[in-house]
Amino acid sequence: MAYERIDTNLEGVCILDPQCFGDHRGWFMESWSKKNMEDVGIHIDLVQDNQSFTAKKGTIRGIHYQQNPMAQAKLVRVVKGAVVDFAVDLRKGSLTYGQWVCAELSAENKRQFYLPQGFGHAFLTLTDDVEFLYKCDNLYSKECDRNIRWNDPDINIDWKQFGLEGEPCLSEKDANAPLLKDSDCNFTI
């Protein structure tokens, strides 16, 4: 099997541990295969591949999502550095609405994190110079692009528990994001 699937407490959100082959020359792994993803229960048609660079340790990106009709499922991984990556359930009516799970993703562990549509996404950089890849099943839509405040008290992520020291480095968009209770998020079950 090319991937070991590790399910989380949020339905559909999982960590994928890829099989990696190495020898004296280096290593090889399969980062995407439609067939092998389907073998572990992930049925997704990817249409966009993105890469971001974050210069500073202690940067938070998120909690981001695209609302319907342009919601996105994401398959994410780190190719340089390390992050703690978060999925937040934004589906009204879900038993886990407002709850989150996380996974450490790094260049060393090569893990991937899968977030179905209906989940917000955020990460905290644990190192300087992080390169982050994310594949999506829907195209970017400026009109549907949304975010929730990184320190929303109803979501209650204790960022310091995951390595945040002092104040995070944030974009203006993330610093001024609405709270979940004030958002126009339109995901429902």
C-alpha atoms as a PDB file:
ATOM      1  CA  MET A   1       0.000   0.000   0.000  1.00  0.00           C
ATOM      2  CA  ALA A   2       1.382   3.428  -0.967  1.00  0.00           C
ATOM      3  CA  TYR A   3      -0.231   5.261   1.960  1.00  0.00           C
ATOM      4  CA  GLU A   4      -1.242   4.430   5.504  1.00  0.00           C
ATOM      5  CA  ARG A   5      -4.448   6.282   6.366  1.00  0.00           C
ATOM      6  CA  ILE A   6      -4.731   7.576   9.941  1.00  0.00           C
ATOM      7  CA  ASP A   7      -8.265   8.758  10.694  1.00  0.00           C
ATOM      8  CA  THR A   8      -8.925  11.639  13.077  1.00  0.00           C
ATOM      9  CA  ASN A   9     -11.868  12.588  15.308  1.00  0.00           C
ATOM     10  CA  LEU A  10     -13.336  14.703  12.479  1.00  0.00           C
ATOM     11  CA  GLU A  11     -15.215  12.661   9.897  1.00  0.00           C
ATOM     12  CA  GLY A  12     -13.286  12.503   6.628  1.00  0.00           C
ATOM     13  CA  VAL A  13     -10.198  14.370   7.868  1.00  0.00           C
ATOM     14  CA  CYS A  14      -7.156  12.096   7.856  1.00  0.00           C
ATOM     15  CA  ILE A  15      -3.392  11.949   7.904  1.00  0.00           C
ATOM     16  CA  LEU A  16      -1.647  10.030   5.158  1.00  0.00           C
ATOM     17  CA  ASP A  17       1.700   8.433   5.861  1.00  0.00           C
ATOM     18  CA  PRO A  18       3.319   7.693   2.489  1.00  0.00           C
ATOM     19  CA  GLN A  19       5.518   4.700   1.853  1.00  0.00           C
ATOM     20  CA  CYS A  20       9.024   5.995   1.206  1.00  0.00           C
ATOM     21  CA  PHE A  21      11.808   4.042  -0.504  1.00  0.00           C
ATOM     22  CA  GLY A  22      15.386   5.015   0.150  1.00  0.00           C
ATOM     23  CA  ASP A  23      18.942   3.914  -0.397  1.00  0.00           C
ATOM     24  CA  HIS A  24      22.417   5.461  -0.561  1.00  0.00           C
ATOM     25  CA  ARG A  25      21.266   7.851  -3.335  1.00  0.00           C
ATOM     26  CA  GLY A  26      18.330   9.345  -1.440  1.00  0.00           C
ATOM     27  CA  TRP A  27      14.623   8.500  -1.403  1.00  0.00           C
ATOM     28  CA  PHE A  28      11.459   8.264  -3.507  1.00  0.00           C
ATOM     29  CA  MET A  29       7.796   8.509  -2.576  1.00  0.00           C
ATOM     30  CA  GLU A  30       4.515   8.768  -4.403  1.00  0.00           C
ATOM     31  CA  SER A  31       2.873  12.067  -3.410  1.00  0.00           C
ATOM     32  CA  TRP A  32      -0.292  11.592  -5.478  1.00  0.00           C
ATOM     33  CA  SER A  33      -2.048   8.700  -7.190  1.00  0.00           C
ATOM     34  CA  LYS A  34      -5.776   8.770  -7.820  1.00  0.00           C
ATOM     35  CA  LYS A  35      -5.960   4.973  -7.636  1.00  0.00           C
ATOM     36  CA  ASN A  36      -3.957   4.680  -4.423  1.00  0.00           C
ATOM     37  CA  MET A  37      -5.933   7.497  -2.783  1.00  0.00           C
ATOM     38  CA  GLU A  38      -9.158   5.717  -3.710  1.00  0.00           C
ATOM     39  CA  ASP A  39      -7.709   2.520  -2.187  1.00  0.00           C
ATOM     40  CA  VAL A  40      -7.609   4.353   1.191  1.00  0.00           C
ATOM     41  CA  GLY A  41     -11.087   5.855   0.733  1.00  0.00           C
ATOM     42  CA  ILE A  42     -10.289   9.309  -0.657  1.00  0.00           C
ATOM     43  CA  HIS A  43     -12.229  10.056  -3.825  1.00  0.00           C
ATOM     44  CA  ILE A  44     -11.172  13.440  -5.114  1.00  0.00           C
ATOM     45  CA  ASP A  45     -10.622  15.040  -8.514  1.00  0.00           C
ATOM     46  CA  LEU A  46      -7.840  17.572  -8.094  1.00  0.00           C
ATOM     47  CA  VAL A  47      -7.886  20.671 -10.316  1.00  0.00           C
ATOM     48  CA  GLN A  48      -5.403  23.094  -8.739  1.00  0.00           C
ATOM     49  CA  ASP A  49      -1.974  22.759  -7.116  1.00  0.00           C
ATOM     50  CA  ASN A  50      -0.615  25.608  -4.971  1.00  0.00           C
ATOM     51  CA  GLN A  51       2.649  26.313  -3.192  1.00  0.00           C
ATOM     52  CA  SER A  52       3.325  28.874  -0.485  1.00  0.00           C
ATOM     53  CA  PHE A  53       6.476  30.066   1.245  1.00  0.00           C
ATOM     54  CA  THR A  54       6.479  31.381   4.808  1.00  0.00           C
ATOM     55  CA  ALA A  55       9.688  33.036   5.960  1.00  0.00           C
ATOM     56  CA  LYS A  56       9.214  33.253   9.710  1.00  0.00           C
ATOM     57  CA  LYS A  57       8.721  30.707  12.481  1.00  0.00           C
ATOM     58  CA  GLY A  58       5.601  31.552  14.508  1.00  0.00           C
ATOM     59  CA  THR A  59       3.492  32.581  11.518  1.00  0.00           C
ATOM     60  CA  ILE A  60      -0.165  31.564  11.471  1.00  0.00           C
ATOM     61  CA  ARG A  61      -2.022  31.243   8.181  1.00  0.00           C
ATOM     62  CA  GLY A  62      -5.735  30.710   8.567  1.00  0.00           C
ATOM     63  CA  ILE A  63      -8.366  29.704   9.422  1.00  0.00           C
ATOM     64  CA  HIS A  64      -9.158  29.760   5.664  1.00  0.00           C
ATOM     65  CA  TYR A  65     -11.900  28.204   3.550  1.00  0.00           C
ATOM     66  CA  GLN A  66     -13.912  28.777   0.389  1.00  0.00           C
ATOM     67  CA  GLN A  67     -17.632  28.622   0.858  1.00  0.00           C
ATOM     68  CA  ASN A  68     -20.191  27.026  -1.439  1.00  0.00           C
ATOM     69  CA  PRO A  69     -20.524  26.828  -4.360  1.00  0.00           C
ATOM     70  CA  MET A  70     -16.697  26.918  -4.607  1.00  0.00           C
ATOM     71  CA  ALA A  71     -15.824  24.877  -1.486  1.00  0.00           C
ATOM     72  CA  GLN A  72     -12.480  23.106  -1.656  1.00  0.00           C
ATOM     73  CA  ALA A  73     -11.184  19.806  -0.371  1.00  0.00           C
ATOM     74  CA  LYS A  74      -7.418  20.004   0.198  1.00  0.00           C
ATOM     75  CA  LEU A  75      -4.526  17.570   0.302  1.00  0.00           C
ATOM     76  CA  VAL A  76      -1.608  19.370   1.944  1.00  0.00           C
ATOM     77  CA  ARG A  77       2.034  18.668   2.746  1.00  0.00           C
ATOM     78  CA  VAL A  78       5.275  20.409   3.668  1.00  0.00           C
ATOM     79  CA  VAL A  79       8.361  20.092   1.448  1.00  0.00           C
ATOM     80  CA  LYS A  80      10.665  22.348   3.499  1.00  0.00           C
ATOM     81  CA  GLY A  81      10.509  23.031   7.236  1.00  0.00           C
ATOM     82  CA  ALA A  82       7.706  22.041   9.602  1.00  0.00           C
ATOM     83  CA  VAL A  83       4.193  23.151  10.618  1.00  0.00           C
ATOM     84  CA  VAL A  84       1.329  22.130  12.828  1.00  0.00           C
ATOM     85  CA  ASP A  85      -1.599  21.904  10.431  1.00  0.00           C
ATOM     86  CA  PHE A  86      -5.221  22.285  11.571  1.00  0.00           C
ATOM     87  CA  ALA A  87      -8.627  21.261  10.219  1.00  0.00           C
ATOM     88  CA  VAL A  88     -11.693  22.954  11.771  1.00  0.00           C
ATOM     89  CA  ASP A  89     -15.196  21.558  11.247  1.00  0.00           C
ATOM     90  CA  LEU A  90     -17.333  24.409   9.860  1.00  0.00           C
ATOM     91  CA  ARG A  91     -20.358  22.264   8.905  1.00  0.00           C
ATOM     92  CA  LYS A  92     -23.431  23.506  10.770  1.00  0.00           C
ATOM     93  CA  GLY A  93     -25.397  20.528  12.056  1.00  0.00           C
ATOM     94  CA  SER A  94     -22.298  18.361  12.443  1.00  0.00           C
ATOM     95  CA  LEU A  95     -21.750  16.702  15.816  1.00  0.00           C
ATOM     96  CA  THR A  96     -18.188  18.071  15.700  1.00  0.00           C
ATOM     97  CA  TYR A  97     -19.057  21.621  14.531  1.00  0.00           C
ATOM     98  CA  GLY A  98     -16.376  24.081  15.686  1.00  0.00           C
ATOM     99  CA  GLN A  99     -13.986  21.301  16.753  1.00  0.00           C
ATOM    100  CA  TRP A 100     -10.503  20.894  15.342  1.00  0.00           C
ATOM    101  CA  VAL A 101      -7.750  18.339  14.848  1.00  0.00           C
ATOM    102  CA  CYS A 102      -4.134  18.839  13.936  1.00  0.00           C
ATOM    103  CA  ALA A 103      -1.093  17.045  12.592  1.00  0.00           C
ATOM    104  CA  GLU A 104       2.574  17.894  12.454  1.00  0.00           C
ATOM    105  CA  LEU A 105       3.706  18.000   8.836  1.00  0.00           C
ATOM    106  CA  SER A 106       7.359  18.317   7.944  1.00  0.00           C
ATOM    107  CA  ALA A 107       9.850  17.718   5.177  1.00  0.00           C
ATOM    108  CA  GLU A 108      11.235  14.909   7.335  1.00  0.00           C
ATOM    109  CA  ASN A 109       8.024  12.987   8.090  1.00  0.00           C
ATOM    110  CA  LYS A 110       6.585  13.546   4.567  1.00  0.00           C
ATOM    111  CA  ARG A 111       3.039  13.207   5.956  1.00  0.00           C
ATOM    112  CA  GLN A 112       0.046  14.618   4.137  1.00  0.00           C
ATOM    113  CA  PHE A 113      -3.194  15.920   5.638  1.00  0.00           C
ATOM    114  CA  TYR A 114      -6.539  15.561   3.863  1.00  0.00           C
ATOM    115  CA  LEU A 115      -9.386  18.009   4.556  1.00  0.00           C
ATOM    116  CA  PRO A 116     -12.729  17.407   2.807  1.00  0.00           C
ATOM    117  CA  GLN A 117     -14.996  20.271   1.802  1.00  0.00           C
ATOM    118  CA  GLY A 118     -16.654  21.933   4.794  1.00  0.00           C
ATOM    119  CA  PHE A 119     -13.509  22.315   6.885  1.00  0.00           C
ATOM    120  CA  GLY A 120     -11.422  25.377   7.631  1.00  0.00           C
ATOM    121  CA  HIS A 121      -7.659  25.135   7.275  1.00  0.00           C
ATOM    122  CA  ALA A 122      -4.834  26.777   9.214  1.00  0.00           C
ATOM    123  CA  PHE A 123      -1.213  26.179  10.037  1.00  0.00           C
ATOM    124  CA  LEU A 124       1.452  27.409  12.439  1.00  0.00           C
ATOM    125  CA  THR A 125       5.045  27.405  11.217  1.00  0.00           C
ATOM    126  CA  LEU A 126       7.456  25.620  13.559  1.00  0.00           C
ATOM    127  CA  THR A 127      10.543  26.627  11.570  1.00  0.00           C
ATOM    128  CA  ASP A 128      11.714  29.472   9.383  1.00  0.00           C
ATOM    129  CA  ASP A 129      11.547  29.039   5.602  1.00  0.00           C
ATOM    130  CA  VAL A 130       8.524  26.756   5.234  1.00  0.00           C
ATOM    131  CA  GLU A 131       7.422  25.602   1.800  1.00  0.00           C
ATOM    132  CA  PHE A 132       3.870  24.262   1.788  1.00  0.00           C
ATOM    133  CA  LEU A 133       2.021  22.465  -1.033  1.00  0.00           C
ATOM    134  CA  TYR A 134      -1.715  22.042  -1.316  1.00  0.00           C
ATOM    135  CA  LYS A 135      -3.781  20.366  -3.970  1.00  0.00           C
ATOM    136  CA  CYS A 136      -7.456  21.368  -4.285  1.00  0.00           C
ATOM    137  CA  ASP A 137     -10.556  19.878  -5.871  1.00  0.00           C
ATOM    138  CA  ASN A 138     -11.955  23.283  -6.869  1.00  0.00           C
ATOM    139  CA  LEU A 139     -10.454  26.429  -8.337  1.00  0.00           C
ATOM    140  CA  TYR A 140      -9.721  29.525  -6.287  1.00  0.00           C
ATOM    141  CA  SER A 141     -12.624  31.971  -6.127  1.00  0.00           C
ATOM    142  CA  LYS A 142     -12.031  35.459  -4.754  1.00  0.00           C
ATOM    143  CA  GLU A 143     -15.801  35.862  -4.243  1.00  0.00           C
ATOM    144  CA  CYS A 144     -16.012  32.735  -2.071  1.00  0.00           C
ATOM    145  CA  ASP A 145     -12.703  33.177  -0.212  1.00  0.00           C
ATOM    146  CA  ARG A 146     -13.331  33.454   3.541  1.00  0.00           C
ATOM    147  CA  ASN A 147     -11.578  33.101   6.862  1.00  0.00           C
ATOM    148  CA  ILE A 148     -12.289  32.827  10.577  1.00  0.00           C
ATOM    149  CA  ARG A 149     -10.260  34.569  13.280  1.00  0.00           C
ATOM    150  CA  TRP A 150      -7.218  32.500  14.245  1.00  0.00           C
ATOM    151  CA  ASN A 151      -7.932  32.949  17.968  1.00  0.00           C
ATOM    152  CA  ASP A 152     -11.708  32.470  17.880  1.00  0.00           C
ATOM    153  CA  PRO A 153     -12.763  31.621  21.476  1.00  0.00           C
ATOM    154  CA  ASP A 154     -15.447  29.165  20.313  1.00  0.00           C
ATOM    155  CA  ILE A 155     -12.880  27.157  18.329  1.00  0.00           C
ATOM    156  CA  ASN A 156     -10.316  27.600  21.112  1.00  0.00           C
ATOM    157  CA  ILE A 157      -7.021  26.479  19.577  1.00  0.00           C
ATOM    158  CA  ASP A 158      -4.274  26.848  22.195  1.00  0.00           C
ATOM    159  CA  TRP A 159      -1.544  27.879  19.762  1.00  0.00           C
ATOM    160  CA  LYS A 160       1.081  28.146  22.526  1.00  0.00           C
ATOM    161  CA  GLN A 161       0.611  24.431  23.230  1.00  0.00           C
ATOM    162  CA  PHE A 162       1.858  23.830  19.691  1.00  0.00           C
ATOM    163  CA  GLY A 163       4.960  26.006  19.872  1.00  0.00           C
ATOM    164  CA  LEU A 164       3.779  29.595  19.371  1.00  0.00           C
ATOM    165  CA  GLU A 165       6.035  31.935  21.340  1.00  0.00           C
ATOM    166  CA  GLY A 166       4.776  35.502  21.799  1.00  0.00           C
ATOM    167  CA  GLU A 167       2.501  37.100  19.235  1.00  0.00           C
ATOM    168  CA  PRO A 168       2.050  35.340  15.885  1.00  0.00           C
ATOM    169  CA  CYS A 169       3.037  36.825  12.559  1.00  0.00           C
ATOM    170  CA  LEU A 170      -0.292  37.349  10.741  1.00  0.00           C
ATOM    171  CA  SER A 171      -1.536  38.809   7.483  1.00  0.00           C
ATOM    172  CA  GLU A 172      -3.864  41.792   7.750  1.00  0.00           C
ATOM    173  CA  LYS A 173      -6.651  39.557   6.410  1.00  0.00           C
ATOM    174  CA  ASP A 174      -6.122  36.987   9.178  1.00  0.00           C
ATOM    175  CA  ALA A 175      -5.734  39.606  11.916  1.00  0.00           C
ATOM    176  CA  ASN A 176      -9.108  41.138  10.959  1.00  0.00           C
ATOM    177  CA  ALA A 177     -11.080  37.957  10.206  1.00  0.00           C
ATOM    178  CA  PRO A 178     -14.556  37.558  11.696  1.00  0.00           C
ATOM    179  CA  LEU A 179     -15.384  35.202  14.531  1.00  0.00           C
ATOM    180  CA  LEU A 180     -17.131  31.961  13.569  1.00  0.00           C
ATOM    181  CA  LYS A 181     -20.403  33.180  15.118  1.00  0.00           C
ATOM    182  CA  ASP A 182     -20.244  36.339  12.962  1.00  0.00           C
ATOM    183  CA  SER A 183     -19.181  34.642   9.724  1.00  0.00           C
ATOM    184  CA  ASP A 184     -21.356  33.941   6.712  1.00  0.00           C
ATOM    185  CA  CYS A 185     -20.041  30.369   6.444  1.00  0.00           C
ATOM    186  CA  ASN A 186     -22.628  28.345   4.509  1.00  0.00           C
ATOM    187  CA  PHE A 187     -21.575  24.719   5.132  1.00  0.00           C
ATOM    188  CA  THR A 188     -24.312  22.448   6.491  1.00  0.00           C
ATOM    189  CA  ILE A 189     -24.852  18.727   6.923  1.00  0.00           C
END
